[in-house]
Protein backbone atom coordinates (compact mmCIF):
# COMPACT_ATOMS: atom_id res chain seq x y z
CA UNK A 1 104.65 120.67 111.90
CA UNK A 2 105.64 120.56 108.23
CA UNK A 3 103.31 121.66 105.42
CA UNK A 4 104.29 121.59 101.76
CA UNK A 5 101.72 122.81 99.26
CA UNK A 6 102.17 122.47 95.48
CA UNK A 7 105.95 122.62 95.88
CA UNK A 8 107.93 122.77 92.61
CA UNK A 9 111.52 123.45 91.65
CA UNK A 10 112.75 124.07 88.10
CA UNK A 11 116.36 124.34 86.97
CA UNK A 12 115.97 126.02 83.59
CA UNK A 13 113.90 123.49 81.57
CA UNK A 14 114.51 120.62 84.03
CA UNK A 15 111.75 119.95 86.57
CA UNK A 16 113.40 118.52 89.69
CA UNK A 17 110.29 118.66 91.92
CA UNK A 18 106.83 118.72 90.41
CA UNK A 19 103.88 120.01 92.47
CA UNK A 20 104.48 118.11 95.73
CA UNK A 21 101.97 118.43 98.57
CA UNK A 22 102.22 116.63 101.91
CA UNK A 23 102.25 117.20 105.66
CA UNK A 24 104.25 115.69 108.51
CA UNK A 25 103.01 115.69 112.10
CA UNK A 26 104.62 115.84 115.53
CA UNK A 27 105.91 112.46 116.66
CA UNK A 28 106.12 111.17 113.09
CA UNK A 29 109.15 109.83 111.25
CA UNK A 30 108.55 110.30 107.53
CA UNK A 31 110.76 108.41 105.10
CA UNK A 32 111.60 109.86 101.68
CA UNK A 33 112.32 107.14 99.14
CA UNK A 34 113.08 107.32 95.45
CA UNK A 35 115.64 106.54 92.76
CA UNK A 36 118.71 108.74 92.35
CA UNK A 37 117.66 112.07 90.88
CA UNK A 38 114.03 111.67 91.96
CA UNK A 39 113.96 115.02 93.81
CA UNK A 40 114.38 113.95 97.44
CA UNK A 41 117.35 116.14 98.33
CA UNK A 42 115.94 119.10 96.39
CA UNK A 43 112.70 118.85 98.36
CA UNK A 44 114.62 118.76 101.63
CA UNK A 45 116.65 121.81 100.64
CA UNK A 46 113.44 123.72 99.93
CA UNK A 47 111.88 122.70 103.26
CA UNK A 48 114.98 123.90 105.14
CA UNK A 49 115.22 127.16 103.19
CA UNK A 50 118.48 126.35 101.39
CA UNK A 51 116.72 126.47 98.02
CA UNK A 52 113.91 128.79 97.03
CA UNK A 53 110.95 126.99 95.45
CA UNK A 54 109.97 127.94 91.91
CA UNK A 55 106.38 127.76 93.13
CA UNK A 56 104.44 126.53 96.13
CA UNK A 57 104.53 127.13 99.87
CA UNK A 58 106.43 125.68 102.83
CA UNK A 59 105.51 126.08 106.49
CA UNK A 60 107.39 124.65 109.47
CA UNK A 61 105.75 124.89 112.91
CA UNK A 62 103.33 127.37 111.34
CA UNK A 63 106.12 129.67 110.11
CA UNK A 64 106.02 130.51 106.41
CA UNK A 65 109.33 130.15 104.55
CA UNK A 66 108.83 133.38 102.58
CA UNK A 67 107.55 135.47 105.50
CA UNK A 68 110.19 134.47 108.06
CA UNK A 69 113.03 132.31 106.66
CA UNK A 70 115.31 132.81 109.68
CA UNK A 71 112.53 131.93 112.13
CA UNK A 72 111.77 128.81 110.10
CA UNK A 73 115.42 127.70 110.05
CA UNK A 74 115.64 128.14 113.83
CA UNK A 75 113.04 125.40 114.22
CA UNK A 76 114.98 122.91 112.06
CA UNK A 77 117.99 120.67 112.49
CA UNK A 78 119.39 119.80 109.08
CA UNK A 79 121.85 117.12 108.03
CA UNK A 80 122.56 117.76 104.34
CA UNK A 81 123.72 115.22 101.81
CA UNK A 82 127.46 114.61 102.31
CA UNK A 83 127.48 116.26 105.77
CA UNK A 84 129.48 119.38 104.70
CA UNK A 85 131.48 121.09 107.44
CA UNK A 86 134.69 123.07 108.04
CA UNK A 87 137.43 120.49 107.49
CA UNK A 88 140.18 122.57 109.12
CA UNK A 89 138.29 122.80 112.44
CA UNK A 90 138.54 120.31 115.29
CA UNK A 91 135.35 118.49 116.23
CA UNK A 92 135.15 120.26 119.59
CA UNK A 93 135.61 123.71 118.05
CA UNK A 94 133.14 123.03 115.25
CA UNK A 95 130.37 121.94 117.64
CA UNK A 96 130.99 124.95 119.90
CA UNK A 97 130.84 127.21 116.84
CA UNK A 98 127.52 125.67 115.77
CA UNK A 99 126.17 126.09 119.31
CA UNK A 100 127.02 129.80 119.14
CA UNK A 101 125.39 130.15 115.71
CA UNK A 102 122.28 128.46 117.14
CA UNK A 103 122.17 131.12 119.89
CA UNK A 104 122.68 128.69 122.76
CA UNK A 105 123.47 130.56 125.98
CA UNK A 106 127.26 130.94 126.31
CA UNK A 107 127.13 129.50 129.83
CA UNK A 108 125.51 126.34 128.51
CA UNK A 109 127.59 125.72 125.39
CA UNK A 110 130.20 123.44 127.01
CA UNK A 111 127.48 121.40 128.69
CA UNK A 112 125.49 121.10 125.46
CA UNK A 113 128.56 120.03 123.48
CA UNK A 114 129.51 117.42 126.10
CA UNK A 115 125.96 116.04 126.06
CA UNK A 116 125.87 115.73 122.29
CA UNK A 117 129.36 114.19 122.12
CA UNK A 118 128.25 111.48 124.56
CA UNK A 119 124.97 110.95 122.72
CA UNK A 120 126.58 110.52 119.28
CA UNK A 121 129.73 108.74 120.61
CA UNK A 122 132.27 111.29 119.38
CA UNK A 123 134.59 111.36 122.41
CA UNK A 124 137.40 109.45 120.68
CA UNK A 125 137.63 112.07 117.90
CA UNK A 126 136.80 115.11 120.03
CA UNK A 127 140.13 116.88 119.40
CA UNK A 128 140.67 115.69 115.81
CA UNK A 129 140.44 117.93 112.76
CA UNK A 130 137.34 117.07 110.74
CA UNK A 131 139.39 116.48 107.58
CA UNK A 132 141.13 113.54 109.31
CA UNK A 133 137.90 111.74 110.18
CA UNK A 134 136.48 108.69 108.45
CA UNK A 135 133.30 109.07 106.41
CA UNK A 136 131.29 107.52 109.22
CA UNK A 137 132.61 109.92 111.88
CA UNK A 138 132.05 112.90 109.58
CA UNK A 139 128.44 111.76 109.26
CA UNK A 140 128.12 111.54 113.03
CA UNK A 141 129.56 115.05 113.44
CA UNK A 142 126.98 116.24 110.91
CA UNK A 143 124.22 114.61 112.92
CA UNK A 144 125.56 116.17 116.13
CA UNK A 145 125.41 119.70 114.68
CA UNK A 146 121.85 119.04 113.47
CA UNK A 147 120.49 118.21 116.93
CA UNK A 148 122.67 120.30 119.27
CA UNK A 149 119.99 123.01 119.64
CA UNK A 150 117.22 120.43 120.28
CA UNK A 151 115.09 121.46 117.26
CA UNK A 152 111.40 120.65 116.89
CA UNK A 153 111.94 119.41 113.33
CA UNK A 154 114.77 117.27 111.96
CA UNK A 155 115.53 116.92 108.25
CA UNK A 156 118.12 114.20 107.68
CA UNK A 157 119.45 113.39 104.22
CA UNK A 158 120.89 109.84 104.28
CA UNK A 159 121.67 109.92 108.03
CA UNK A 160 123.32 106.48 108.11
CA UNK A 161 125.36 106.85 104.92
CA UNK A 162 128.91 105.60 105.50
CA UNK A 163 128.20 104.10 108.91
CA UNK A 164 129.04 100.53 109.86
CA UNK A 165 126.21 98.19 111.04
CA UNK A 166 126.73 99.01 114.73
CA UNK A 167 126.75 102.75 114.05
CA UNK A 168 123.62 102.44 111.90
CA UNK A 169 121.87 100.66 114.76
CA UNK A 170 122.87 103.42 117.20
CA UNK A 171 121.65 106.20 114.87
CA UNK A 172 118.34 104.43 114.27
CA UNK A 173 117.86 104.04 118.01
CA UNK A 174 118.61 107.75 118.43
CA UNK A 175 116.09 108.72 115.73
CA UNK A 176 113.42 106.54 117.31
CA UNK A 177 114.01 108.04 120.75
CA UNK A 178 113.91 111.62 119.44
CA UNK A 179 110.73 111.03 117.40
CA UNK A 180 108.56 111.10 120.53
CA UNK A 181 108.42 114.89 120.58
CA UNK A 182 109.82 115.88 117.17
CA UNK A 183 108.94 115.66 113.51
CA UNK A 184 111.61 113.87 111.51
CA UNK A 185 112.06 113.53 107.76
CA UNK A 186 114.77 111.18 106.52
CA UNK A 187 115.74 110.32 102.98
CA UNK A 188 117.25 106.89 102.51
CA UNK A 189 118.12 104.26 99.94
CA UNK A 190 118.13 101.58 102.63
CA UNK A 191 114.71 99.94 102.66
CA UNK A 192 115.37 98.15 105.96
CA UNK A 193 115.70 101.62 107.48
CA UNK A 194 112.07 102.29 106.57
CA UNK A 195 111.10 99.26 108.66
CA UNK A 196 113.41 100.26 111.48
CA UNK A 197 112.41 103.90 112.06
CA UNK A 198 109.65 105.19 109.74
CA UNK A 199 105.97 105.54 110.58
CA UNK A 200 105.21 106.53 107.00
CA UNK A 201 106.98 106.51 103.65
CA UNK A 202 106.64 108.77 100.62
CA UNK A 203 108.04 107.42 97.36
CA UNK A 204 109.09 110.04 94.82
CA UNK A 205 109.84 109.41 91.15
CA UNK A 206 110.64 112.09 88.58
CA UNK A 207 109.84 114.80 91.12
CA UNK A 208 106.32 113.50 91.85
CA UNK A 209 104.81 111.61 94.76
CA UNK A 210 103.85 108.13 93.54
CA UNK A 211 103.06 106.59 96.93
CA UNK A 212 102.33 107.80 100.46
CA UNK A 213 101.72 104.89 102.84
CA UNK A 214 102.81 103.22 106.05
CA UNK A 215 105.51 100.54 105.64
CA UNK A 216 102.88 97.87 106.35
CA UNK A 217 100.57 99.24 103.66
CA UNK A 218 103.44 99.21 101.16
CA UNK A 219 104.22 95.60 102.07
CA UNK A 220 100.58 94.72 101.48
CA UNK A 221 101.05 95.86 97.87
CA UNK A 222 103.79 93.26 97.31
CA UNK A 223 103.07 90.00 95.49
CA UNK A 224 105.00 88.40 98.37
CA UNK A 225 102.44 89.62 100.93
CA UNK A 226 101.31 86.45 102.78
CA UNK A 227 103.36 84.27 100.40
CA UNK A 228 104.45 80.98 102.00
CA UNK A 229 107.93 79.56 101.47
CA UNK A 230 109.18 76.11 102.46
CA UNK A 231 112.36 74.10 101.93
CA UNK A 232 111.92 70.43 101.00
CA UNK A 233 112.45 67.76 98.37
CA UNK A 234 109.20 67.79 96.45
CA UNK A 235 107.82 66.05 93.40
CA UNK A 236 107.18 68.49 90.54
CA UNK A 237 103.69 67.02 90.06
CA UNK A 238 102.76 68.34 93.50
CA UNK A 239 103.71 71.85 92.41
CA UNK A 240 100.99 71.58 89.79
CA UNK A 241 98.58 70.52 92.54
CA UNK A 242 99.39 73.72 94.41
CA UNK A 243 98.63 75.75 91.28
CA UNK A 244 95.15 74.23 91.09
CA UNK A 245 94.22 75.57 94.52
CA UNK A 246 91.80 78.52 94.22
CA UNK A 247 93.68 80.54 96.83
CA UNK A 248 96.99 80.24 94.95
CA UNK A 249 98.05 82.66 92.23
CA UNK A 250 101.47 81.25 91.35
CA UNK A 251 104.18 78.82 92.44
CA UNK A 252 107.92 79.43 92.21
CA UNK A 253 110.53 76.69 92.71
CA UNK A 254 114.24 77.26 93.29
CA UNK A 255 115.96 74.01 92.27
CA UNK A 256 119.36 74.98 93.67
CA UNK A 257 118.09 75.59 97.20
CA UNK A 258 115.08 73.25 96.95
CA UNK A 259 112.88 76.12 98.03
CA UNK A 260 109.26 76.58 96.99
CA UNK A 261 107.28 79.82 97.27
CA UNK A 262 103.48 79.78 97.05
CA UNK A 263 101.96 83.13 96.08
CA UNK A 264 98.41 83.79 97.31
CA UNK A 265 95.57 85.22 95.27
CA UNK A 266 95.27 88.92 96.14
CA UNK A 267 97.37 88.53 99.29
CA UNK A 268 94.91 86.22 101.10
CA UNK A 269 96.08 84.16 104.07
CA UNK A 270 97.12 80.71 102.81
CA UNK A 271 99.51 79.48 105.49
CA UNK A 272 97.06 76.93 106.92
CA UNK A 273 96.13 75.58 103.48
CA UNK A 274 99.79 75.11 102.52
CA UNK A 275 100.62 73.53 105.87
CA UNK A 276 97.69 71.11 105.60
CA UNK A 277 98.67 70.19 102.03
CA UNK A 278 102.22 69.36 103.13
CA UNK A 279 100.94 67.21 106.00
CA UNK A 280 98.47 65.34 103.76
CA UNK A 281 101.22 64.47 101.30
CA UNK A 282 103.69 63.66 104.10
CA UNK A 283 106.26 66.16 102.83
CA UNK A 284 109.02 66.78 105.38
CA UNK A 285 110.04 70.43 105.38
CA UNK A 286 113.07 71.99 107.02
CA UNK A 287 111.54 75.46 107.10
CA UNK A 288 108.08 76.93 106.62
CA UNK A 289 107.62 80.71 106.70
CA UNK A 290 105.13 83.37 105.68
CA UNK A 291 106.28 86.74 104.31
CA UNK A 292 104.86 90.14 105.19
CA UNK A 293 105.85 91.49 101.77
CA UNK A 294 108.95 92.96 100.14
CA UNK A 295 109.47 96.71 100.05
CA UNK A 296 112.18 96.44 97.39
CA UNK A 297 109.76 94.77 94.98
CA UNK A 298 107.05 97.38 95.64
CA UNK A 299 109.61 100.18 95.23
CA UNK A 300 110.74 98.81 91.85
CA UNK A 301 107.21 98.29 90.61
CA UNK A 302 106.03 101.76 91.60
CA UNK A 303 109.04 103.66 90.28
CA UNK A 304 109.39 101.64 87.06
CA UNK A 305 105.66 101.96 86.41
CA UNK A 306 106.04 105.73 86.70
CA UNK A 307 108.93 105.63 84.19
CA UNK A 308 106.76 103.70 81.72
CA UNK A 309 103.93 106.20 82.12
CA UNK A 310 106.31 109.11 81.49
CA UNK A 311 107.65 107.47 78.32
CA UNK A 312 104.08 106.80 77.13
CA UNK A 313 103.29 110.51 77.41
C-alpha cells in the first residue's frame, strides 16, 4: 500500500531525510518514532505529496508520486502537524467544503458530514468558527477532514496531540477500528500509543531508520525485559546473594520505596527463581511483578547511540 525507496530530502546543505526505504501493508498501523527534528514529519509530507523528495521514489496503492500526484493524493487522508485549517470557517462549513474538494457526490455530502461528526464527537462545536475551538477540538476537526472520504491510506502526524485522556482513548479506538481495511502511518512522541495502536514501529534518528520492529520486539531489546520487581524490607546481604545467581545480570534497590529490581542475563525468564529465593528466605513481599520491557529506555538507547556514532564520524 505504501512503498518508499531510497527516499531523501535536502534543504540546502541540511539532510532532513537520508535514504529511507520501507513498506507498509494493508491492515497495518505503522508508528513513526524519533526525537524532534529526526525527519518524521518531512517523510510524511513526501509520502502525501506535499514535499517533493530530493531523491527516491514513493508509491501509494501502486500509484507513483511523480507519475500521478493527484491520483496518489486521492488515496490518502492526511492530518498534518498542527492540524491547519481555515479559522474563519465554521466546522460544518469546513467539513462540507472538504467533502466537495474530495469529490464526494453532492447528494451524499450532508450524510457524510453527519456521519463523521458523530464518529469524531464534534456535534457540540458543529456551528462554531474553527478559530474559537480548543486545541483538542481543532485536532479532532483535522482528523475528521482526513477520513471524510474514507481513504485507503491514512497519514496522521501526532493525531492525539492536545487531546485529553478520554479523547486520546476515543481516537486510538477509532484508529484501531479503521486499521482493519486501511494502511495507517502515525507519528507520535507518546510511547504508550505505540502499545495501544501500532503493529510495527520505525524509529528514525538524524533522518535515518535505526530500528524497524514490532512493539514486542523493541521491548525484548530492553534491559528490563523479564526483569522482576518486588517491594519488601530486605537485608542488603541478600541482594548480594541475588547477584551471585547465574541467571542474574544486575540488582537495583530503591531505598525510598523499598523496591528491588532483579535484571536477568540476556532477558531470560527468572520469575520462578526469584520467587523461590524469596520463599526460601521467608521474605514477605507486598508486590511481585515481571516487566515486558520499557520502550522509553530502548528509544533512548537507540537514538543516543546513533548520535554517538554520528559524532564519531
